[in-house]
Amino acid sequence: MLAAFAALRFPLGGIEVFHTDRGGEFTGERIERMLDVFGITRFLSNPGSPYDDAVVESTNRLVKKEPICDNVYTSVERLRSDANRYVWWYNHQRLHSTL
């Protein structure tokens, strides 16, 4: 989890709230200290409430289903590259049902 924050290409100081589910990677002391250093407020979803992060869960399901599960990856770099290309396509070209 901390490696994901370290890989960001924008300053963390612009983030005010970090909204996540209650997974162990988001509730530990290390992530809490890191968020405190940057003045980021952590907001954990309510226990047993899938509606708190329904959009994120739906997007994660699509990312796993569409580009990831159809490929066999032999390197982390290739996985990252494909994931980045998919996110760009998803945000800029894919037709969304809400539109």
PDB file of N, CA and C in Angstrom:
ATOM      1  N   MET A   1       0.819  -1.188   0.000  1.00  0.00           N
ATOM      2  CA  MET A   1       0.000   0.000   0.000  1.00  0.00           C
ATOM      3  C   MET A   1       0.862   1.249   0.000  1.00  0.00           C
ATOM      4  N   LEU A   2       1.858   1.294   0.848  1.00  0.00           N
ATOM      5  CA  LEU A   2       2.717   2.473   0.907  1.00  0.00           C
ATOM      6  C   LEU A   2       3.480   2.666  -0.389  1.00  0.00           C
ATOM      7  N   ALA A   3       3.827   1.582  -1.053  1.00  0.00           N
ATOM      8  CA  ALA A   3       4.514   1.677  -2.344  1.00  0.00           C
ATOM      9  C   ALA A   3       3.625   2.348  -3.381  1.00  0.00           C
ATOM     10  N   ALA A   4       2.327   2.119  -3.303  1.00  0.00           N
ATOM     11  CA  ALA A   4       1.405   2.764  -4.244  1.00  0.00           C
ATOM     12  C   ALA A   4       1.423   4.276  -4.052  1.00  0.00           C
ATOM     13  N   PHE A   5       1.452   4.720  -2.806  1.00  0.00           N
ATOM     14  CA  PHE A   5       1.530   6.163  -2.538  1.00  0.00           C
ATOM     15  C   PHE A   5       2.863   6.727  -3.014  1.00  0.00           C
ATOM     16  N   ALA A   6       3.933   5.992  -2.818  1.00  0.00           N
ATOM     17  CA  ALA A   6       5.259   6.454  -3.229  1.00  0.00           C
ATOM     18  C   ALA A   6       5.356   6.587  -4.746  1.00  0.00           C
ATOM     19  N   ALA A   7       4.571   5.830  -5.488  1.00  0.00           N
ATOM     20  CA  ALA A   7       4.627   5.860  -6.944  1.00  0.00           C
ATOM     21  C   ALA A   7       3.788   6.977  -7.566  1.00  0.00           C
ATOM     22  N   LEU A   8       3.006   7.681  -6.761  1.00  0.00           N
ATOM     23  CA  LEU A   8       2.157   8.748  -7.303  1.00  0.00           C
ATOM     24  C   LEU A   8       3.006   9.850  -7.914  1.00  0.00           C
ATOM     25  N   ARG A   9       2.497  10.426  -8.980  1.00  0.00           N
ATOM     26  CA  ARG A   9       3.250  11.472  -9.686  1.00  0.00           C
ATOM     27  C   ARG A   9       2.688  12.859  -9.419  1.00  0.00           C
ATOM     28  N   PHE A  10       2.003  13.021  -8.315  1.00  0.00           N
ATOM     29  CA  PHE A  10       1.511  14.333  -7.923  1.00  0.00           C
ATOM     30  C   PHE A  10       1.682  14.462  -6.415  1.00  0.00           C
ATOM     31  N   PRO A  11       1.725  15.697  -5.909  1.00  0.00           N
ATOM     32  CA  PRO A  11       1.972  15.872  -4.476  1.00  0.00           C
ATOM     33  C   PRO A  11       0.800  15.395  -3.625  1.00  0.00           C
ATOM     34  N   LEU A  12       1.116  14.677  -2.572  1.00  0.00           N
ATOM     35  CA  LEU A  12       0.074  14.175  -1.669  1.00  0.00           C
ATOM     36  C   LEU A  12      -0.581  15.301  -0.876  1.00  0.00           C
ATOM     37  N   GLY A  13       0.077  16.441  -0.789  1.00  0.00           N
ATOM     38  CA  GLY A  13      -0.483  17.558  -0.036  1.00  0.00           C
ATOM     39  C   GLY A  13      -1.812  18.051  -0.568  1.00  0.00           C
ATOM     40  N   GLY A  14      -2.141  17.737  -1.825  1.00  0.00           N
ATOM     41  CA  GLY A  14      -3.411  18.158  -2.401  1.00  0.00           C
ATOM     42  C   GLY A  14      -4.576  17.241  -2.061  1.00  0.00           C
ATOM     43  N   ILE A  15      -4.297  16.122  -1.421  1.00  0.00           N
ATOM     44  CA  ILE A  15      -5.352  15.169  -1.060  1.00  0.00           C
ATOM     45  C   ILE A  15      -5.850  15.501   0.341  1.00  0.00           C
ATOM     46  N   GLU A  16      -7.153  15.655   0.472  1.00  0.00           N
ATOM     47  CA  GLU A  16      -7.728  15.981   1.782  1.00  0.00           C
ATOM     48  C   GLU A  16      -8.301  14.756   2.482  1.00  0.00           C
ATOM     49  N   VAL A  17      -8.961  13.870   1.719  1.00  0.00           N
ATOM     50  CA  VAL A  17      -9.640  12.713   2.314  1.00  0.00           C
ATOM     51  C   VAL A  17      -9.256  11.458   1.532  1.00  0.00           C
ATOM     52  N   PHE A  18      -8.986  10.384   2.269  1.00  0.00           N
ATOM     53  CA  PHE A  18      -8.683   9.079   1.685  1.00  0.00           C
ATOM     54  C   PHE A  18      -9.796   8.139   2.133  1.00  0.00           C
ATOM     55  N   HIS A  19     -10.719   7.792   1.219  1.00  0.00           N
ATOM     56  CA  HIS A  19     -11.875   6.962   1.540  1.00  0.00           C
ATOM     57  C   HIS A  19     -11.603   5.532   1.101  1.00  0.00           C
ATOM     58  N   THR A  20     -11.672   4.603   2.046  1.00  0.00           N
ATOM     59  CA  THR A  20     -11.402   3.202   1.733  1.00  0.00           C
ATOM     60  C   THR A  20     -12.383   2.297   2.458  1.00  0.00           C
ATOM     61  N   ASP A  21     -12.294   1.027   2.112  1.00  0.00           N
ATOM     62  CA  ASP A  21     -13.038   0.036   2.884  1.00  0.00           C
ATOM     63  C   ASP A  21     -12.236  -0.274   4.156  1.00  0.00           C
ATOM     64  N   ARG A  22     -12.649  -1.291   4.882  1.00  0.00           N
ATOM     65  CA  ARG A  22     -12.008  -1.584   6.161  1.00  0.00           C
ATOM     66  C   ARG A  22     -10.963  -2.691   6.065  1.00  0.00           C
ATOM     67  N   GLY A  23     -10.387  -2.863   4.890  1.00  0.00           N
ATOM     68  CA  GLY A  23      -9.345  -3.869   4.712  1.00  0.00           C
ATOM     69  C   GLY A  23      -8.126  -3.559   5.565  1.00  0.00           C
ATOM     70  N   GLY A  24      -7.421  -4.608   5.983  1.00  0.00           N
ATOM     71  CA  GLY A  24      -6.272  -4.462   6.869  1.00  0.00           C
ATOM     72  C   GLY A  24      -5.201  -3.539   6.337  1.00  0.00           C
ATOM     73  N   GLU A  25      -5.043  -3.483   5.008  1.00  0.00           N
ATOM     74  CA  GLU A  25      -4.016  -2.611   4.444  1.00  0.00           C
ATOM     75  C   GLU A  25      -4.354  -1.136   4.613  1.00  0.00           C
ATOM     76  N   PHE A  26      -5.612  -0.835   4.924  1.00  0.00           N
ATOM     77  CA  PHE A  26      -6.028   0.553   5.084  1.00  0.00           C
ATOM     78  C   PHE A  26      -6.228   0.969   6.535  1.00  0.00           C
ATOM     79  N   THR A  27      -6.175   0.029   7.454  1.00  0.00           N
ATOM     80  CA  THR A  27      -6.466   0.350   8.845  1.00  0.00           C
ATOM     81  C   THR A  27      -5.251   0.272   9.755  1.00  0.00           C
ATOM     82  N   GLY A  28      -4.106  -0.098   9.221  1.00  0.00           N
ATOM     83  CA  GLY A  28      -2.911  -0.286  10.039  1.00  0.00           C
ATOM     84  C   GLY A  28      -2.260   1.014  10.492  1.00  0.00           C
ATOM     85  N   GLU A  29      -1.356   0.869  11.426  1.00  0.00           N
ATOM     86  CA  GLU A  29      -0.645   2.010  12.000  1.00  0.00           C
ATOM     87  C   GLU A  29       0.265   2.689  10.983  1.00  0.00           C
ATOM     88  N   ARG A  30       0.895   1.919  10.099  1.00  0.00           N
ATOM     89  CA  ARG A  30       1.808   2.511   9.109  1.00  0.00           C
ATOM     90  C   ARG A  30       1.076   3.462   8.171  1.00  0.00           C
ATOM     91  N   ILE A  31      -0.093   3.056   7.670  1.00  0.00           N
ATOM     92  CA  ILE A  31      -0.849   3.920   6.769  1.00  0.00           C
ATOM     93  C   ILE A  31      -1.369   5.137   7.526  1.00  0.00           C
ATOM     94  N   GLU A  32      -1.750   4.927   8.782  1.00  0.00           N
ATOM     95  CA  GLU A  32      -2.227   6.045   9.603  1.00  0.00           C
ATOM     96  C   GLU A  32      -1.146   7.097   9.786  1.00  0.00           C
ATOM     97  N   ARG A  33       0.090   6.656  10.064  1.00  0.00           N
ATOM     98  CA  ARG A  33       1.203   7.601  10.230  1.00  0.00           C
ATOM     99  C   ARG A  33       1.484   8.348   8.933  1.00  0.00           C
ATOM    100  N   MET A  34       1.461   7.641   7.817  1.00  0.00           N
ATOM    101  CA  MET A  34       1.718   8.273   6.528  1.00  0.00           C
ATOM    102  C   MET A  34       0.654   9.324   6.212  1.00  0.00           C
ATOM    103  N   LEU A  35      -0.600   8.990   6.441  1.00  0.00           N
ATOM    104  CA  LEU A  35      -1.667   9.951   6.192  1.00  0.00           C
ATOM    105  C   LEU A  35      -1.532  11.164   7.105  1.00  0.00           C
ATOM    106  N   ASP A  36      -1.163  10.938   8.356  1.00  0.00           N
ATOM    107  CA  ASP A  36      -0.956  12.044   9.301  1.00  0.00           C
ATOM    108  C   ASP A  36       0.142  12.985   8.834  1.00  0.00           C
ATOM    109  N   VAL A  37       1.225  12.431   8.310  1.00  0.00           N
ATOM    110  CA  VAL A  37       2.346  13.253   7.844  1.00  0.00           C
ATOM    111  C   VAL A  37       1.876  14.228   6.764  1.00  0.00           C
ATOM    112  N   PHE A  38       0.991  13.788   5.889  1.00  0.00           N
ATOM    113  CA  PHE A  38       0.524  14.626   4.790  1.00  0.00           C
ATOM    114  C   PHE A  38      -0.784  15.350   5.096  1.00  0.00           C
ATOM    115  N   GLY A  39      -1.284  15.201   6.317  1.00  0.00           N
ATOM    116  CA  GLY A  39      -2.512  15.889   6.710  1.00  0.00           C
ATOM    117  C   GLY A  39      -3.749  15.384   5.988  1.00  0.00           C
ATOM    118  N   ILE A  40      -3.751  14.093   5.675  1.00  0.00           N
ATOM    119  CA  ILE A  40      -4.875  13.489   4.957  1.00  0.00           C
ATOM    120  C   ILE A  40      -5.798  12.804   5.963  1.00  0.00           C
ATOM    121  N   THR A  41      -7.084  13.096   5.866  1.00  0.00           N
ATOM    122  CA  THR A  41      -8.078  12.477   6.734  1.00  0.00           C
ATOM    123  C   THR A  41      -8.487  11.137   6.149  1.00  0.00           C
ATOM    124  N   ARG A  42      -8.468  10.102   6.967  1.00  0.00           N
ATOM    125  CA  ARG A  42      -8.889   8.776   6.513  1.00  0.00           C
ATOM    126  C   ARG A  42     -10.360   8.597   6.846  1.00  0.00           C
ATOM    127  N   PHE A  43     -11.132   8.155   5.866  1.00  0.00           N
ATOM    128  CA  PHE A  43     -12.542   7.872   6.056  1.00  0.00           C
ATOM    129  C   PHE A  43     -12.774   6.427   5.679  1.00  0.00           C
ATOM    130  N   LEU A  44     -13.119   5.617   6.654  1.00  0.00           N
ATOM    131  CA  LEU A  44     -13.378   4.192   6.413  1.00  0.00           C
ATOM    132  C   LEU A  44     -14.862   3.980   6.165  1.00  0.00           C
ATOM    133  N   SER A  45     -15.184   3.137   5.215  1.00  0.00           N
ATOM    134  CA  SER A  45     -16.584   2.836   4.945  1.00  0.00           C
ATOM    135  C   SER A  45     -17.217   2.211   6.181  1.00  0.00           C
ATOM    136  N   ASN A  46     -18.518   2.317   6.253  1.00  0.00           N
ATOM    137  CA  ASN A  46     -19.248   1.747   7.384  1.00  0.00           C
ATOM    138  C   ASN A  46     -19.246   0.225   7.295  1.00  0.00           C
ATOM    139  N   PRO A  47     -19.108  -0.450   8.435  1.00  0.00           N
ATOM    140  CA  PRO A  47     -19.097  -1.920   8.413  1.00  0.00           C
ATOM    141  C   PRO A  47     -20.386  -2.475   7.809  1.00  0.00           C
ATOM    142  N   GLY A  48     -20.244  -3.418   6.896  1.00  0.00           N
ATOM    143  CA  GLY A  48     -21.401  -4.081   6.305  1.00  0.00           C
ATOM    144  C   GLY A  48     -22.199  -3.227   5.348  1.00  0.00           C
ATOM    145  N   SER A  49     -21.653  -2.090   4.907  1.00  0.00           N
ATOM    146  CA  SER A  49     -22.380  -1.207   4.004  1.00  0.00           C
ATOM    147  C   SER A  49     -21.688  -1.142   2.649  1.00  0.00           C
ATOM    148  N   PRO A  50     -22.114  -1.964   1.700  1.00  0.00           N
ATOM    149  CA  PRO A  50     -21.469  -1.951   0.386  1.00  0.00           C
ATOM    150  C   PRO A  50     -21.767  -0.682  -0.398  1.00  0.00           C
ATOM    151  N   TYR A  51     -22.743   0.120   0.066  1.00  0.00           N
ATOM    152  CA  TYR A  51     -23.119   1.314  -0.668  1.00  0.00           C
ATOM    153  C   TYR A  51     -22.111   2.437  -0.506  1.00  0.00           C
ATOM    154  N   ASP A  52     -21.274   2.375   0.529  1.00  0.00           N
ATOM    155  CA  ASP A  52     -20.284   3.421   0.748  1.00  0.00           C
ATOM    156  C   ASP A  52     -19.296   3.525  -0.400  1.00  0.00           C
ATOM    157  N   ASP A  53     -18.924   2.412  -0.977  1.00  0.00           N
ATOM    158  CA  ASP A  53     -17.949   2.456  -2.056  1.00  0.00           C
ATOM    159  C   ASP A  53     -18.402   1.609  -3.254  1.00  0.00           C
ATOM    160  N   ALA A  54     -19.680   1.690  -3.575  1.00  0.00           N
ATOM    161  CA  ALA A  54     -20.232   0.885  -4.665  1.00  0.00           C
ATOM    162  C   ALA A  54     -19.593   1.218  -6.006  1.00  0.00           C
ATOM    163  N   VAL A  55     -19.333   2.494  -6.269  1.00  0.00           N
ATOM    164  CA  VAL A  55     -18.731   2.884  -7.543  1.00  0.00           C
ATOM    165  C   VAL A  55     -17.324   2.318  -7.650  1.00  0.00           C
ATOM    166  N   VAL A  56     -16.554   2.402  -6.568  1.00  0.00           N
ATOM    167  CA  VAL A  56     -15.195   1.876  -6.579  1.00  0.00           C
ATOM    168  C   VAL A  56     -15.217   0.365  -6.759  1.00  0.00           C
ATOM    169  N   GLU A  57     -16.095  -0.321  -6.053  1.00  0.00           N
ATOM    170  CA  GLU A  57     -16.178  -1.774  -6.182  1.00  0.00           C
ATOM    171  C   GLU A  57     -16.554  -2.171  -7.606  1.00  0.00           C
ATOM    172  N   SER A  58     -17.474  -1.441  -8.210  1.00  0.00           N
ATOM    173  CA  SER A  58     -17.875  -1.726  -9.583  1.00  0.00           C
ATOM    174  C   SER A  58     -16.711  -1.511 -10.542  1.00  0.00           C
ATOM    175  N   THR A  59     -15.977  -0.432 -10.358  1.00  0.00           N
ATOM    176  CA  THR A  59     -14.824  -0.151 -11.215  1.00  0.00           C
ATOM    177  C   THR A  59     -13.753  -1.212 -11.034  1.00  0.00           C
ATOM    178  N   ASN A  60     -13.462  -1.585  -9.789  1.00  0.00           N
ATOM    179  CA  ASN A  60     -12.461  -2.627  -9.542  1.00  0.00           C
ATOM    180  C   ASN A  60     -12.858  -3.945 -10.205  1.00  0.00           C
ATOM    181  N   ARG A  61     -14.136  -4.271 -10.162  1.00  0.00           N
ATOM    182  CA  ARG A  61     -14.617  -5.497 -10.796  1.00  0.00           C
ATOM    183  C   ARG A  61     -14.360  -5.440 -12.301  1.00  0.00           C
ATOM    184  N   LEU A  62     -14.639  -4.284 -12.920  1.00  0.00           N
ATOM    185  CA  LEU A  62     -14.407  -4.149 -14.360  1.00  0.00           C
ATOM    186  C   LEU A  62     -12.930  -4.259 -14.705  1.00  0.00           C
ATOM    187  N   VAL A  63     -12.079  -3.626 -13.915  1.00  0.00           N
ATOM    188  CA  VAL A  63     -10.637  -3.666 -14.186  1.00  0.00           C
ATOM    189  C   VAL A  63     -10.132  -5.099 -14.107  1.00  0.00           C
ATOM    190  N   LYS A  64     -10.586  -5.839 -13.122  1.00  0.00           N
ATOM    191  CA  LYS A  64     -10.152  -7.233 -12.989  1.00  0.00           C
ATOM    192  C   LYS A  64     -10.717  -8.096 -14.114  1.00  0.00           C
ATOM    193  N   LYS A  65     -11.975  -7.847 -14.473  1.00  0.00           N
ATOM    194  CA  LYS A  65     -12.656  -8.680 -15.458  1.00  0.00           C
ATOM    195  C   LYS A  65     -12.196  -8.388 -16.883  1.00  0.00           C
ATOM    196  N   GLU A  66     -12.105  -7.120 -17.247  1.00  0.00           N
ATOM    197  CA  GLU A  66     -11.846  -6.781 -18.641  1.00  0.00           C
ATOM    198  C   GLU A  66     -10.380  -6.949 -19.043  1.00  0.00           C
ATOM    199  N   PRO A  67      -9.429  -6.201 -18.468  1.00  0.00           N
ATOM    200  CA  PRO A  67      -8.065  -6.327 -18.983  1.00  0.00           C
ATOM    201  C   PRO A  67      -7.195  -7.349 -18.264  1.00  0.00           C
ATOM    202  N   ILE A  68      -7.418  -7.565 -16.995  1.00  0.00           N
ATOM    203  CA  ILE A  68      -6.484  -8.346 -16.196  1.00  0.00           C
ATOM    204  C   ILE A  68      -6.685  -9.851 -16.382  1.00  0.00           C
ATOM    205  N   CYS A  69      -7.902 -10.317 -16.277  1.00  0.00           N
ATOM    206  CA  CYS A  69      -8.153 -11.757 -16.306  1.00  0.00           C
ATOM    207  C   CYS A  69      -7.931 -12.381 -17.679  1.00  0.00           C
ATOM    208  N   ASP A  70      -7.924 -11.563 -18.732  1.00  0.00           N
ATOM    209  CA  ASP A  70      -7.737 -12.100 -20.078  1.00  0.00           C
ATOM    210  C   ASP A  70      -6.273 -12.288 -20.454  1.00  0.00           C
ATOM    211  N   ASN A  71      -5.354 -11.887 -19.582  1.00  0.00           N
ATOM    212  CA  ASN A  71      -3.928 -11.918 -19.903  1.00  0.00           C
ATOM    213  C   ASN A  71      -3.132 -12.702 -18.870  1.00  0.00           C
ATOM    214  N   VAL A  72      -1.999 -13.217 -19.314  1.00  0.00           N
ATOM    215  CA  VAL A  72      -1.027 -13.837 -18.418  1.00  0.00           C
ATOM    216  C   VAL A  72       0.156 -12.891 -18.380  1.00  0.00           C
ATOM    217  N   TYR A  73       0.498 -12.415 -17.201  1.00  0.00           N
ATOM    218  CA  TYR A  73       1.578 -11.441 -17.067  1.00  0.00           C
ATOM    219  C   TYR A  73       2.844 -12.114 -16.573  1.00  0.00           C
ATOM    220  N   THR A  74       3.942 -11.788 -17.229  1.00  0.00           N
ATOM    221  CA  THR A  74       5.244 -12.334 -16.844  1.00  0.00           C
ATOM    222  C   THR A  74       6.101 -11.295 -16.149  1.00  0.00           C
ATOM    223  N   SER A  75       5.581 -10.046 -16.055  1.00  0.00           N
ATOM    224  CA  SER A  75       6.328  -9.010 -15.341  1.00  0.00           C
ATOM    225  C   SER A  75       5.366  -8.003 -14.736  1.00  0.00           C
ATOM    226  N   VAL A  76       5.783  -7.424 -13.637  1.00  0.00           N
ATOM    227  CA  VAL A  76       4.988  -6.393 -12.972  1.00  0.00           C
ATOM    228  C   VAL A  76       4.891  -5.162 -13.874  1.00  0.00           C
ATOM    229  N   GLU A  77       5.972  -4.852 -14.595  1.00  0.00           N
ATOM    230  CA  GLU A  77       5.981  -3.689 -15.476  1.00  0.00           C
ATOM    231  C   GLU A  77       4.896  -3.787 -16.539  1.00  0.00           C
ATOM    232  N   ARG A  78       4.730  -4.966 -17.113  1.00  0.00           N
ATOM    233  CA  ARG A  78       3.697  -5.166 -18.136  1.00  0.00           C
ATOM    234  C   ARG A  78       2.308  -5.039 -17.530  1.00  0.00           C
ATOM    235  N   LEU A  79       2.115  -5.573 -16.344  1.00  0.00           N
ATOM    236  CA  LEU A  79       0.837  -5.441 -15.650  1.00  0.00           C
ATOM    237  C   LEU A  79       0.530  -3.970 -15.390  1.00  0.00           C
ATOM    238  N   ARG A  80       1.503  -3.232 -14.883  1.00  0.00           N
ATOM    239  CA  ARG A  80       1.301  -1.796 -14.628  1.00  0.00           C
ATOM    240  C   ARG A  80       0.979  -1.050 -15.912  1.00  0.00           C
ATOM    241  N   SER A  81       1.715  -1.342 -16.966  1.00  0.00           N
ATOM    242  CA  SER A  81       1.496  -0.682 -18.246  1.00  0.00           C
ATOM    243  C   SER A  81       0.081  -0.937 -18.759  1.00  0.00           C
ATOM    244  N   ASP A  82      -0.342  -2.187 -18.728  1.00  0.00           N
ATOM    245  CA  ASP A  82      -1.690  -2.524 -19.179  1.00  0.00           C
ATOM    246  C   ASP A  82      -2.751  -1.868 -18.305  1.00  0.00           C
ATOM    247  N   ALA A  83      -2.529  -1.874 -16.992  1.00  0.00           N
ATOM    248  CA  ALA A  83      -3.490  -1.253 -16.081  1.00  0.00           C
ATOM    249  C   ALA A  83      -3.579   0.250 -16.338  1.00  0.00           C
ATOM    250  N   ASN A  84      -2.448   0.914 -16.545  1.00  0.00           N
ATOM    251  CA  ASN A  84      -2.458   2.352 -16.823  1.00  0.00           C
ATOM    252  C   ASN A  84      -3.172   2.663 -18.134  1.00  0.00           C
ATOM    253  N   ARG A  85      -2.902   1.867 -19.171  1.00  0.00           N
ATOM    254  CA  ARG A  85      -3.581   2.074 -20.449  1.00  0.00           C
ATOM    255  C   ARG A  85      -5.083   1.844 -20.315  1.00  0.00           C
ATOM    256  N   TYR A  86      -5.458   0.834 -19.538  1.00  0.00           N
ATOM    257  CA  TYR A  86      -6.876   0.555 -19.341  1.00  0.00           C
ATOM    258  C   TYR A  86      -7.568   1.706 -18.605  1.00  0.00           C
ATOM    259  N   VAL A  87      -6.937   2.230 -17.568  1.00  0.00           N
ATOM    260  CA  VAL A  87      -7.533   3.342 -16.818  1.00  0.00           C
ATOM    261  C   VAL A  87      -7.714   4.555 -17.724  1.00  0.00           C
ATOM    262  N   TRP A  88      -6.703   4.848 -18.558  1.00  0.00           N
ATOM    263  CA  TRP A  88      -6.847   5.977 -19.489  1.00  0.00           C
ATOM    264  C   TRP A  88      -8.016   5.738 -20.429  1.00  0.00           C
ATOM    265  N   TRP A  89      -8.084   4.537 -21.016  1.00  0.00           N
ATOM    266  CA  TRP A  89      -9.176   4.201 -21.930  1.00  0.00           C
ATOM    267  C   TRP A  89     -10.529   4.293 -21.217  1.00  0.00           C
ATOM    268  N   TYR A  90     -10.582   3.758 -20.012  1.00  0.00           N
ATOM    269  CA  TYR A  90     -11.830   3.759 -19.236  1.00  0.00           C
ATOM    270  C   TYR A  90     -12.295   5.190 -18.978  1.00  0.00           C
ATOM    271  N   ASN A  91     -11.369   6.073 -18.621  1.00  0.00           N
ATOM    272  CA  ASN A  91     -11.727   7.450 -18.288  1.00  0.00           C
ATOM    273  C   ASN A  91     -12.013   8.319 -19.511  1.00  0.00           C
ATOM    274  N   HIS A  92     -11.409   8.024 -20.647  1.00  0.00           N
ATOM    275  CA  HIS A  92     -11.471   8.939 -21.774  1.00  0.00           C
ATOM    276  C   HIS A  92     -12.204   8.415 -23.001  1.00  0.00           C
ATOM    277  N   GLN A  93     -12.338   7.126 -23.162  1.00  0.00           N
ATOM    278  CA  GLN A  93     -12.932   6.600 -24.390  1.00  0.00           C
ATOM    279  C   GLN A  93     -14.135   5.692 -24.171  1.00  0.00           C
ATOM    280  N   ARG A  94     -14.166   4.959 -23.089  1.00  0.00           N
ATOM    281  CA  ARG A  94     -15.223   3.974 -22.861  1.00  0.00           C
ATOM    282  C   ARG A  94     -16.570   4.665 -22.673  1.00  0.00           C
ATOM    283  N   LEU A  95     -17.615   4.132 -23.293  1.00  0.00           N
ATOM    284  CA  LEU A  95     -18.951   4.640 -23.046  1.00  0.00           C
ATOM    285  C   LEU A  95     -19.400   4.164 -21.674  1.00  0.00           C
ATOM    286  N   HIS A  96     -19.951   5.076 -20.902  1.00  0.00           N
ATOM    287  CA  HIS A  96     -20.394   4.737 -19.546  1.00  0.00           C
ATOM    288  C   HIS A  96     -21.926   4.692 -19.517  1.00  0.00           C
ATOM    289  N   SER A  97     -22.453   3.740 -18.798  1.00  0.00           N
ATOM    290  CA  SER A  97     -23.908   3.558 -18.764  1.00  0.00           C
ATOM    291  C   SER A  97     -24.632   4.759 -18.183  1.00  0.00           C
ATOM    292  N   THR A  98     -23.966   5.520 -17.301  1.00  0.00           N
ATOM    293  CA  THR A  98     -24.634   6.679 -16.702  1.00  0.00           C
ATOM    294  C   THR A  98     -24.735   7.843 -17.679  1.00  0.00           C
ATOM    295  N   LEU A  99     -23.989   7.785 -18.776  1.00  0.00           N
ATOM    296  CA  LEU A  99     -24.046   8.845 -19.765  1.00  0.00           C
ATOM    297  C   LEU A  99     -25.164   8.571 -20.752  1.00  0.00           C
TER     298      LEU A  99
END
